[in-house]
Amino acid sequence: MVMFILSEEERSWGLAVRCTNSRGSLPVYSDVRNAGSRYLVYIRNVDGNVADLVNDLTTTLFPESSAKISTVRNRHVVIQGGRCKDSVMEWLASKGF
C-alpha cells in the first residue's frame, strides 16, 4: 500500500492532486478534438472532494467565463471552452498542489 503525506493545504481542503511522475509534474492535460474546434483540459488523479475543487475553479479562475467544468468518475475534472491549461497549472501550483 502506498502512503501519501498530505501538506497542510491539502488537509485543510480535503483533497489532493497527485503528481504523475518522478519529476513532480501536475496531471493537467489538454486535448484538441473536432479539427481544433473543441478544446478540453483534464485534471486527473484528484483524491478527495472533487466538487469543492470544481466550485473553487468556477468561482476563482473562471468567474464569468463560458467554460464548462464537469467531473468524470469522481476522480477527473474536465474543463471545456477555452485554452486554459497554463492558467489551470499556475492556479494549482499557487494553491500548493
PDB file of N, CA and C in Angstrom:
ATOM      1  N   MET A   1       0.839  -1.171   0.000  1.00  0.00           N
ATOM      2  CA  MET A   1       0.000   0.000   0.000  1.00  0.00           C
ATOM      3  C   MET A   1       0.888   1.239   0.000  1.00  0.00           C
ATOM      4  N   VAL A   2       0.583   2.185  -0.842  1.00  0.00           N
ATOM      5  CA  VAL A   2       1.347   3.412  -0.948  1.00  0.00           C
ATOM      6  C   VAL A   2       0.729   4.454  -0.038  1.00  0.00           C
ATOM      7  N   MET A   3       1.541   5.088   0.785  1.00  0.00           N
ATOM      8  CA  MET A   3       1.068   6.129   1.705  1.00  0.00           C
ATOM      9  C   MET A   3       1.535   7.479   1.189  1.00  0.00           C
ATOM     10  N   PHE A   4       0.655   8.459   1.212  1.00  0.00           N
ATOM     11  CA  PHE A   4       0.986   9.813   0.813  1.00  0.00           C
ATOM     12  C   PHE A   4       0.928  10.716   2.034  1.00  0.00           C
ATOM     13  N   ILE A   5       1.876  11.621   2.143  1.00  0.00           N
ATOM     14  CA  ILE A   5       1.857  12.606   3.206  1.00  0.00           C
ATOM     15  C   ILE A   5       1.232  13.866   2.642  1.00  0.00           C
ATOM     16  N   LEU A   6       0.112  14.284   3.219  1.00  0.00           N
ATOM     17  CA  LEU A   6      -0.604  15.457   2.737  1.00  0.00           C
ATOM     18  C   LEU A   6      -0.008  16.715   3.341  1.00  0.00           C
ATOM     19  N   SER A   7       0.097  17.749   2.536  1.00  0.00           N
ATOM     20  CA  SER A   7       0.548  19.033   3.040  1.00  0.00           C
ATOM     21  C   SER A   7      -0.570  19.670   3.866  1.00  0.00           C
ATOM     22  N   GLU A   8      -0.239  20.743   4.588  1.00  0.00           N
ATOM     23  CA  GLU A   8      -1.237  21.443   5.400  1.00  0.00           C
ATOM     24  C   GLU A   8      -2.379  21.973   4.540  1.00  0.00           C
ATOM     25  N   GLU A   9      -2.043  22.480   3.341  1.00  0.00           N
ATOM     26  CA  GLU A   9      -3.061  22.997   2.416  1.00  0.00           C
ATOM     27  C   GLU A   9      -4.008  21.885   1.979  1.00  0.00           C
ATOM     28  N   GLU A  10      -3.447  20.715   1.652  1.00  0.00           N
ATOM     29  CA  GLU A  10      -4.281  19.600   1.209  1.00  0.00           C
ATOM     30  C   GLU A  10      -5.181  19.103   2.337  1.00  0.00           C
ATOM     31  N   ARG A  11      -4.682  19.096   3.572  1.00  0.00           N
ATOM     32  CA  ARG A  11      -5.511  18.677   4.696  1.00  0.00           C
ATOM     33  C   ARG A  11      -6.660  19.644   4.928  1.00  0.00           C
ATOM     34  N   SER A  12      -6.410  20.939   4.779  1.00  0.00           N
ATOM     35  CA  SER A  12      -7.475  21.907   5.009  1.00  0.00           C
ATOM     36  C   SER A  12      -8.518  21.854   3.894  1.00  0.00           C
ATOM     37  N   TRP A  13      -8.119  21.519   2.675  1.00  0.00           N
ATOM     38  CA  TRP A  13      -9.054  21.426   1.549  1.00  0.00           C
ATOM     39  C   TRP A  13      -9.817  20.118   1.559  1.00  0.00           C
ATOM     40  N   GLY A  14      -9.175  19.064   2.042  1.00  0.00           N
ATOM     41  CA  GLY A  14      -9.805  17.756   2.000  1.00  0.00           C
ATOM     42  C   GLY A  14      -9.648  17.083   0.653  1.00  0.00           C
ATOM     43  N   LEU A  15      -8.693  17.536  -0.147  1.00  0.00           N
ATOM     44  CA  LEU A  15      -8.434  16.900  -1.434  1.00  0.00           C
ATOM     45  C   LEU A  15      -6.972  17.051  -1.802  1.00  0.00           C
ATOM     46  N   ALA A  16      -6.550  16.252  -2.773  1.00  0.00           N
ATOM     47  CA  ALA A  16      -5.171  16.294  -3.248  1.00  0.00           C
ATOM     48  C   ALA A  16      -5.158  15.988  -4.735  1.00  0.00           C
ATOM     49  N   VAL A  17      -4.228  16.607  -5.448  1.00  0.00           N
ATOM     50  CA  VAL A  17      -3.989  16.311  -6.859  1.00  0.00           C
ATOM     51  C   VAL A  17      -2.604  15.702  -6.930  1.00  0.00           C
ATOM     52  N   ARG A  18      -2.539  14.420  -7.239  1.00  0.00           N
ATOM     53  CA  ARG A  18      -1.280  13.676  -7.210  1.00  0.00           C
ATOM     54  C   ARG A  18      -0.469  13.899  -8.474  1.00  0.00           C
ATOM     55  N   CYS A  19       0.832  14.102  -8.305  1.00  0.00           N
ATOM     56  CA  CYS A  19       1.743  14.219  -9.444  1.00  0.00           C
ATOM     57  C   CYS A  19       1.864  12.869 -10.122  1.00  0.00           C
ATOM     58  N   THR A  20       2.155  12.895 -11.420  1.00  0.00           N
ATOM     59  CA  THR A  20       2.098  11.660 -12.186  1.00  0.00           C
ATOM     60  C   THR A  20       3.449  11.004 -12.412  1.00  0.00           C
ATOM     61  N   ASN A  21       4.542  11.710 -12.195  1.00  0.00           N
ATOM     62  CA  ASN A  21       5.834  11.104 -12.459  1.00  0.00           C
ATOM     63  C   ASN A  21       6.848  11.562 -11.419  1.00  0.00           C
ATOM     64  N   SER A  22       8.069  11.116 -11.562  1.00  0.00           N
ATOM     65  CA  SER A  22       9.098  11.434 -10.574  1.00  0.00           C
ATOM     66  C   SER A  22       9.566  12.878 -10.663  1.00  0.00           C
ATOM     67  N   ARG A  23       9.238  13.584 -11.746  1.00  0.00           N
ATOM     68  CA  ARG A  23       9.640  14.991 -11.884  1.00  0.00           C
ATOM     69  C   ARG A  23       8.674  15.933 -11.186  1.00  0.00           C
ATOM     70  N   GLY A  24       7.564  15.421 -10.695  1.00  0.00           N
ATOM     71  CA  GLY A  24       6.607  16.239  -9.970  1.00  0.00           C
ATOM     72  C   GLY A  24       5.673  17.033 -10.856  1.00  0.00           C
ATOM     73  N   SER A  25       5.439  16.585 -12.072  1.00  0.00           N
ATOM     74  CA  SER A  25       4.534  17.284 -12.975  1.00  0.00           C
ATOM     75  C   SER A  25       3.095  17.128 -12.522  1.00  0.00           C
ATOM     76  N   LEU A  26       2.335  18.201 -12.623  1.00  0.00           N
ATOM     77  CA  LEU A  26       0.913  18.140 -12.285  1.00  0.00           C
ATOM     78  C   LEU A  26       0.152  17.382 -13.377  1.00  0.00           C
ATOM     79  N   PRO A  27      -0.865  16.616 -13.022  1.00  0.00           N
ATOM     80  CA  PRO A  27      -1.612  15.839 -14.012  1.00  0.00           C
ATOM     81  C   PRO A  27      -2.669  16.684 -14.736  1.00  0.00           C
ATOM     82  N   VAL A  28      -2.210  17.690 -15.467  1.00  0.00           N
ATOM     83  CA  VAL A  28      -3.100  18.560 -16.240  1.00  0.00           C
ATOM     84  C   VAL A  28      -2.771  18.335 -17.712  1.00  0.00           C
ATOM     85  N   TYR A  29      -3.772  17.941 -18.484  1.00  0.00           N
ATOM     86  CA  TYR A  29      -3.565  17.590 -19.883  1.00  0.00           C
ATOM     87  C   TYR A  29      -4.555  18.340 -20.761  1.00  0.00           C
ATOM     88  N   SER A  30      -4.157  18.594 -21.998  1.00  0.00           N
ATOM     89  CA  SER A  30      -5.062  19.222 -22.959  1.00  0.00           C
ATOM     90  C   SER A  30      -5.365  18.230 -24.073  1.00  0.00           C
ATOM     91  N   ASP A  31      -6.533  18.383 -24.665  1.00  0.00           N
ATOM     92  CA  ASP A  31      -6.977  17.507 -25.747  1.00  0.00           C
ATOM     93  C   ASP A  31      -7.731  18.363 -26.753  1.00  0.00           C
ATOM     94  N   VAL A  32      -7.308  18.305 -28.010  1.00  0.00           N
ATOM     95  CA  VAL A  32      -7.963  19.066 -29.074  1.00  0.00           C
ATOM     96  C   VAL A  32      -8.733  18.081 -29.943  1.00  0.00           C
ATOM     97  N   ARG A  33     -10.025  18.349 -30.120  1.00  0.00           N
ATOM     98  CA  ARG A  33     -10.879  17.447 -30.897  1.00  0.00           C
ATOM     99  C   ARG A  33     -11.624  18.224 -31.965  1.00  0.00           C
ATOM    100  N   ASN A  34     -12.253  17.517 -32.857  1.00  0.00           N
ATOM    101  CA  ASN A  34     -13.073  18.084 -33.933  1.00  0.00           C
ATOM    102  C   ASN A  34     -12.307  19.120 -34.750  1.00  0.00           C
ATOM    103  N   ALA A  35     -11.128  18.753 -35.192  1.00  0.00           N
ATOM    104  CA  ALA A  35     -10.295  19.604 -36.055  1.00  0.00           C
ATOM    105  C   ALA A  35      -9.995  20.957 -35.418  1.00  0.00           C
ATOM    106  N   GLY A  36      -9.810  20.952 -34.093  1.00  0.00           N
ATOM    107  CA  GLY A  36      -9.440  22.172 -33.398  1.00  0.00           C
ATOM    108  C   GLY A  36     -10.590  23.019 -32.894  1.00  0.00           C
ATOM    109  N   SER A  37     -11.811  22.591 -33.114  1.00  0.00           N
ATOM    110  CA  SER A  37     -12.943  23.403 -32.673  1.00  0.00           C
ATOM    111  C   SER A  37     -13.370  23.098 -31.237  1.00  0.00           C
ATOM    112  N   ARG A  38     -12.871  22.013 -30.669  1.00  0.00           N
ATOM    113  CA  ARG A  38     -13.225  21.639 -29.295  1.00  0.00           C
ATOM    114  C   ARG A  38     -11.938  21.423 -28.508  1.00  0.00           C
ATOM    115  N   TYR A  39     -11.730  22.231 -27.489  1.00  0.00           N
ATOM    116  CA  TYR A  39     -10.516  22.191 -26.694  1.00  0.00           C
ATOM    117  C   TYR A  39     -10.882  21.801 -25.261  1.00  0.00           C
ATOM    118  N   LEU A  40     -10.296  20.717 -24.775  1.00  0.00           N
ATOM    119  CA  LEU A  40     -10.590  20.207 -23.440  1.00  0.00           C
ATOM    120  C   LEU A  40      -9.325  20.243 -22.587  1.00  0.00           C
ATOM    121  N   VAL A  41      -9.491  20.522 -21.309  1.00  0.00           N
ATOM    122  CA  VAL A  41      -8.399  20.450 -20.342  1.00  0.00           C
ATOM    123  C   VAL A  41      -8.825  19.481 -19.259  1.00  0.00           C
ATOM    124  N   TYR A  42      -7.957  18.495 -18.970  1.00  0.00           N
ATOM    125  CA  TYR A  42      -8.241  17.481 -17.965  1.00  0.00           C
ATOM    126  C   TYR A  42      -7.348  17.685 -16.749  1.00  0.00           C
ATOM    127  N   ILE A  43      -7.925  17.575 -15.553  1.00  0.00           N
ATOM    128  CA  ILE A  43      -7.161  17.469 -14.311  1.00  0.00           C
ATOM    129  C   ILE A  43      -7.434  16.066 -13.797  1.00  0.00           C
ATOM    130  N   ARG A  44      -6.410  15.242 -13.774  1.00  0.00           N
ATOM    131  CA  ARG A  44      -6.590  13.839 -13.400  1.00  0.00           C
ATOM    132  C   ARG A  44      -6.062  13.577 -11.988  1.00  0.00           C
ATOM    133  N   ASN A  45      -6.408  12.426 -11.457  1.00  0.00           N
ATOM    134  CA  ASN A  45      -5.914  11.922 -10.179  1.00  0.00           C
ATOM    135  C   ASN A  45      -6.243  12.850  -9.014  1.00  0.00           C
ATOM    136  N   VAL A  46      -7.478  13.275  -8.933  1.00  0.00           N
ATOM    137  CA  VAL A  46      -7.919  14.112  -7.819  1.00  0.00           C
ATOM    138  C   VAL A  46      -8.449  13.187  -6.724  1.00  0.00           C
ATOM    139  N   ASP A  47      -7.844  13.261  -5.541  1.00  0.00           N
ATOM    140  CA  ASP A  47      -8.285  12.469  -4.403  1.00  0.00           C
ATOM    141  C   ASP A  47      -9.027  13.388  -3.436  1.00  0.00           C
ATOM    142  N   GLY A  48     -10.197  12.974  -3.015  1.00  0.00           N
ATOM    143  CA  GLY A  48     -10.951  13.772  -2.051  1.00  0.00           C
ATOM    144  C   GLY A  48     -12.217  14.325  -2.664  1.00  0.00           C
ATOM    145  N   ASN A  49     -12.632  15.472  -2.175  1.00  0.00           N
ATOM    146  CA  ASN A  49     -13.896  16.080  -2.584  1.00  0.00           C
ATOM    147  C   ASN A  49     -13.714  16.866  -3.887  1.00  0.00           C
ATOM    148  N   VAL A  50     -14.046  16.247  -4.995  1.00  0.00           N
ATOM    149  CA  VAL A  50     -13.870  16.850  -6.314  1.00  0.00           C
ATOM    150  C   VAL A  50     -14.829  18.017  -6.514  1.00  0.00           C
ATOM    151  N   ALA A  51     -15.999  17.945  -5.905  1.00  0.00           N
ATOM    152  CA  ALA A  51     -16.985  19.026  -6.053  1.00  0.00           C
ATOM    153  C   ALA A  51     -16.444  20.340  -5.498  1.00  0.00           C
ATOM    154  N   ASP A  52     -15.681  20.290  -4.401  1.00  0.00           N
ATOM    155  CA  ASP A  52     -15.074  21.509  -3.858  1.00  0.00           C
ATOM    156  C   ASP A  52     -14.071  22.111  -4.829  1.00  0.00           C
ATOM    157  N   LEU A  53     -13.291  21.257  -5.492  1.00  0.00           N
ATOM    158  CA  LEU A  53     -12.330  21.743  -6.479  1.00  0.00           C
ATOM    159  C   LEU A  53     -13.048  22.399  -7.651  1.00  0.00           C
ATOM    160  N   VAL A  54     -14.123  21.786  -8.125  1.00  0.00           N
ATOM    161  CA  VAL A  54     -14.898  22.346  -9.235  1.00  0.00           C
ATOM    162  C   VAL A  54     -15.505  23.688  -8.835  1.00  0.00           C
ATOM    163  N   ASN A  55     -16.052  23.769  -7.643  1.00  0.00           N
ATOM    164  CA  ASN A  55     -16.639  25.033  -7.178  1.00  0.00           C
ATOM    165  C   ASN A  55     -15.588  26.124  -7.053  1.00  0.00           C
ATOM    166  N   ASP A  56     -14.417  25.785  -6.534  1.00  0.00           N
ATOM    167  CA  ASP A  56     -13.367  26.780  -6.382  1.00  0.00           C
ATOM    168  C   ASP A  56     -12.826  27.228  -7.737  1.00  0.00           C
ATOM    169  N   LEU A  57     -12.691  26.298  -8.676  1.00  0.00           N
ATOM    170  CA  LEU A  57     -12.272  26.669 -10.039  1.00  0.00           C
ATOM    171  C   LEU A  57     -13.291  27.610 -10.672  1.00  0.00           C
ATOM    172  N   THR A  58     -14.562  27.300 -10.484  1.00  0.00           N
ATOM    173  CA  THR A  58     -15.618  28.114 -11.079  1.00  0.00           C
ATOM    174  C   THR A  58     -15.637  29.523 -10.508  1.00  0.00           C
ATOM    175  N   THR A  59     -15.443  29.660  -9.205  1.00  0.00           N
ATOM    176  CA  THR A  59     -15.546  30.975  -8.583  1.00  0.00           C
ATOM    177  C   THR A  59     -14.280  31.809  -8.704  1.00  0.00           C
ATOM    178  N   THR A  60     -13.103  31.178  -8.713  1.00  0.00           N
ATOM    179  CA  THR A  60     -11.864  31.967  -8.718  1.00  0.00           C
ATOM    180  C   THR A  60     -11.232  32.090 -10.097  1.00  0.00           C
ATOM    181  N   LEU A  61     -11.109  31.006 -10.817  1.00  0.00           N
ATOM    182  CA  LEU A  61     -10.386  31.038 -12.093  1.00  0.00           C
ATOM    183  C   LEU A  61     -11.281  31.364 -13.281  1.00  0.00           C
ATOM    184  N   PHE A  62     -12.530  30.930 -13.248  1.00  0.00           N
ATOM    185  CA  PHE A  62     -13.467  31.164 -14.347  1.00  0.00           C
ATOM    186  C   PHE A  62     -14.743  31.837 -13.834  1.00  0.00           C
ATOM    187  N   PRO A  63     -14.664  33.032 -13.256  1.00  0.00           N
ATOM    188  CA  PRO A  63     -15.866  33.628 -12.651  1.00  0.00           C
ATOM    189  C   PRO A  63     -16.955  33.990 -13.657  1.00  0.00           C
ATOM    190  N   GLU A  64     -16.596  34.558 -14.787  1.00  0.00           N
ATOM    191  CA  GLU A  64     -17.612  34.941 -15.770  1.00  0.00           C
ATOM    192  C   GLU A  64     -17.227  34.436 -17.151  1.00  0.00           C
ATOM    193  N   SER A  65     -16.785  33.214 -17.191  1.00  0.00           N
ATOM    194  CA  SER A  65     -16.324  32.622 -18.441  1.00  0.00           C
ATOM    195  C   SER A  65     -17.391  31.669 -18.980  1.00  0.00           C
ATOM    196  N   SER A  66     -17.246  31.329 -20.233  1.00  0.00           N
ATOM    197  CA  SER A  66     -18.165  30.364 -20.838  1.00  0.00           C
ATOM    198  C   SER A  66     -17.646  28.940 -20.667  1.00  0.00           C
ATOM    199  N   ALA A  67     -16.599  28.760 -19.877  1.00  0.00           N
ATOM    200  CA  ALA A  67     -16.032  27.427 -19.665  1.00  0.00           C
ATOM    201  C   ALA A  67     -17.003  26.555 -18.881  1.00  0.00           C
ATOM    202  N   LYS A  68     -17.136  25.318 -19.323  1.00  0.00           N
ATOM    203  CA  LYS A  68     -17.993  24.350 -18.652  1.00  0.00           C
ATOM    204  C   LYS A  68     -17.087  23.368 -17.919  1.00  0.00           C
ATOM    205  N   ILE A  69     -17.304  23.211 -16.616  1.00  0.00           N
ATOM    206  CA  ILE A  69     -16.468  22.339 -15.804  1.00  0.00           C
ATOM    207  C   ILE A  69     -17.318  21.181 -15.320  1.00  0.00           C
ATOM    208  N   SER A  70     -16.831  19.961 -15.533  1.00  0.00           N
ATOM    209  CA  SER A  70     -17.568  18.774 -15.108  1.00  0.00           C
ATOM    210  C   SER A  70     -16.595  17.755 -14.518  1.00  0.00           C
ATOM    211  N   THR A  71     -17.137  16.709 -13.909  1.00  0.00           N
ATOM    212  CA  THR A  71     -16.316  15.645 -13.343  1.00  0.00           C
ATOM    213  C   THR A  71     -16.577  14.343 -14.078  1.00  0.00           C
ATOM    214  N   VAL A  72     -15.555  13.489 -14.083  1.00  0.00           N
ATOM    215  CA  VAL A  72     -15.659  12.176 -14.717  1.00  0.00           C
ATOM    216  C   VAL A  72     -15.189  11.150 -13.699  1.00  0.00           C
ATOM    217  N   ARG A  73     -16.036  10.195 -13.398  1.00  0.00           N
ATOM    218  CA  ARG A  73     -15.718   9.093 -12.489  1.00  0.00           C
ATOM    219  C   ARG A  73     -15.213   9.552 -11.121  1.00  0.00           C
ATOM    220  N   ASN A  74     -15.614  10.717 -10.664  1.00  0.00           N
ATOM    221  CA  ASN A  74     -15.274  11.256  -9.345  1.00  0.00           C
ATOM    222  C   ASN A  74     -13.776  11.370  -9.080  1.00  0.00           C
ATOM    223  N   ARG A  75     -12.940  11.314 -10.114  1.00  0.00           N
ATOM    224  CA  ARG A  75     -11.505  11.482  -9.930  1.00  0.00           C
ATOM    225  C   ARG A  75     -10.890  12.434 -10.932  1.00  0.00           C
ATOM    226  N   HIS A  76     -11.624  12.796 -11.961  1.00  0.00           N
ATOM    227  CA  HIS A  76     -11.090  13.650 -13.012  1.00  0.00           C
ATOM    228  C   HIS A  76     -12.008  14.855 -13.213  1.00  0.00           C
ATOM    229  N   VAL A  77     -11.404  15.992 -13.538  1.00  0.00           N
ATOM    230  CA  VAL A  77     -12.148  17.210 -13.824  1.00  0.00           C
ATOM    231  C   VAL A  77     -11.907  17.561 -15.290  1.00  0.00           C
ATOM    232  N   VAL A  78     -12.965  17.883 -16.027  1.00  0.00           N
ATOM    233  CA  VAL A  78     -12.871  18.249 -17.439  1.00  0.00           C
ATOM    234  C   VAL A  78     -13.351  19.687 -17.597  1.00  0.00           C
ATOM    235  N   ILE A  79     -12.516  20.522 -18.230  1.00  0.00           N
ATOM    236  CA  ILE A  79     -12.864  21.918 -18.485  1.00  0.00           C
ATOM    237  C   ILE A  79     -13.007  22.081 -19.993  1.00  0.00           C
ATOM    238  N   GLN A  80     -14.185  22.520 -20.433  1.00  0.00           N
ATOM    239  CA  GLN A  80     -14.455  22.729 -21.854  1.00  0.00           C
ATOM    240  C   GLN A  80     -14.636  24.212 -22.109  1.00  0.00           C
ATOM    241  N   GLY A  81     -14.139  24.680 -23.228  1.00  0.00           N
ATOM    242  CA  GLY A  81     -14.453  26.038 -23.639  1.00  0.00           C
ATOM    243  C   GLY A  81     -13.347  27.053 -23.517  1.00  0.00           C
ATOM    244  N   GLY A  82     -12.113  26.649 -23.613  1.00  0.00           N
ATOM    245  CA  GLY A  82     -11.055  27.648 -23.591  1.00  0.00           C
ATOM    246  C   GLY A  82      -9.682  27.025 -23.534  1.00  0.00           C
ATOM    247  N   ARG A  83      -8.718  27.761 -23.988  1.00  0.00           N
ATOM    248  CA  ARG A  83      -7.327  27.308 -23.943  1.00  0.00           C
ATOM    249  C   ARG A  83      -6.722  27.778 -22.630  1.00  0.00           C
ATOM    250  N   CYS A  84      -6.942  26.990 -21.596  1.00  0.00           N
ATOM    251  CA  CYS A  84      -6.632  27.446 -20.244  1.00  0.00           C
ATOM    252  C   CYS A  84      -5.701  26.512 -19.485  1.00  0.00           C
ATOM    253  N   LYS A  85      -4.986  25.622 -20.172  1.00  0.00           N
ATOM    254  CA  LYS A  85      -4.134  24.658 -19.476  1.00  0.00           C
ATOM    255  C   LYS A  85      -3.086  25.357 -18.617  1.00  0.00           C
ATOM    256  N   ASP A  86      -2.414  26.359 -19.151  1.00  0.00           N
ATOM    257  CA  ASP A  86      -1.359  27.047 -18.404  1.00  0.00           C
ATOM    258  C   ASP A  86      -1.916  27.760 -17.178  1.00  0.00           C
ATOM    259  N   SER A  87      -3.059  28.403 -17.325  1.00  0.00           N
ATOM    260  CA  SER A  87      -3.641  29.106 -16.176  1.00  0.00           C
ATOM    261  C   SER A  87      -4.114  28.120 -15.110  1.00  0.00           C
ATOM    262  N   VAL A  88      -4.603  26.951 -15.503  1.00  0.00           N
ATOM    263  CA  VAL A  88      -5.014  25.935 -14.533  1.00  0.00           C
ATOM    264  C   VAL A  88      -3.793  25.404 -13.796  1.00  0.00           C
ATOM    265  N   MET A  89      -2.708  25.161 -14.508  1.00  0.00           N
ATOM    266  CA  MET A  89      -1.489  24.678 -13.861  1.00  0.00           C
ATOM    267  C   MET A  89      -0.932  25.710 -12.890  1.00  0.00           C
ATOM    268  N   GLU A  90      -0.937  26.982 -13.276  1.00  0.00           N
ATOM    269  CA  GLU A  90      -0.466  28.040 -12.380  1.00  0.00           C
ATOM    270  C   GLU A  90      -1.368  28.155 -11.157  1.00  0.00           C
ATOM    271  N   TRP A  91      -2.675  28.029 -11.350  1.00  0.00           N
ATOM    272  CA  TRP A  91      -3.613  28.110 -10.245  1.00  0.00           C
ATOM    273  C   TRP A  91      -3.393  26.973  -9.254  1.00  0.00           C
ATOM    274  N   LEU A  92      -3.245  25.738  -9.764  1.00  0.00           N
ATOM    275  CA  LEU A  92      -2.993  24.597  -8.887  1.00  0.00           C
ATOM    276  C   LEU A  92      -1.673  24.762  -8.127  1.00  0.00           C
ATOM    277  N   ALA A  93      -0.637  25.241  -8.808  1.00  0.00           N
ATOM    278  CA  ALA A  93       0.655  25.433  -8.157  1.00  0.00           C
ATOM    279  C   ALA A  93       0.564  26.508  -7.075  1.00  0.00           C
ATOM    280  N   SER A  94      -0.212  27.562  -7.322  1.00  0.00           N
ATOM    281  CA  SER A  94      -0.356  28.616  -6.322  1.00  0.00           C
ATOM    282  C   SER A  94      -1.132  28.141  -5.092  1.00  0.00           C
ATOM    283  N   LYS A  95      -1.983  27.128  -5.278  1.00  0.00           N
ATOM    284  CA  LYS A  95      -2.736  26.562  -4.159  1.00  0.00           C
ATOM    285  C   LYS A  95      -1.936  25.509  -3.394  1.00  0.00           C
ATOM    286  N   GLY A  96      -0.755  25.184  -3.872  1.00  0.00           N
ATOM    287  CA  GLY A  96       0.111  24.252  -3.156  1.00  0.00           C
ATOM    288  C   GLY A  96      -0.013  22.793  -3.563  1.00  0.00           C
ATOM    289  N   PHE A  97      -0.559  22.517  -4.716  1.00  0.00           N
ATOM    290  CA  PHE A  97      -0.699  21.125  -5.164  1.00  0.00           C
ATOM    291  C   PHE A  97       0.506  20.669  -5.858  1.00  0.00           C
TER     292      PHE A  97
END
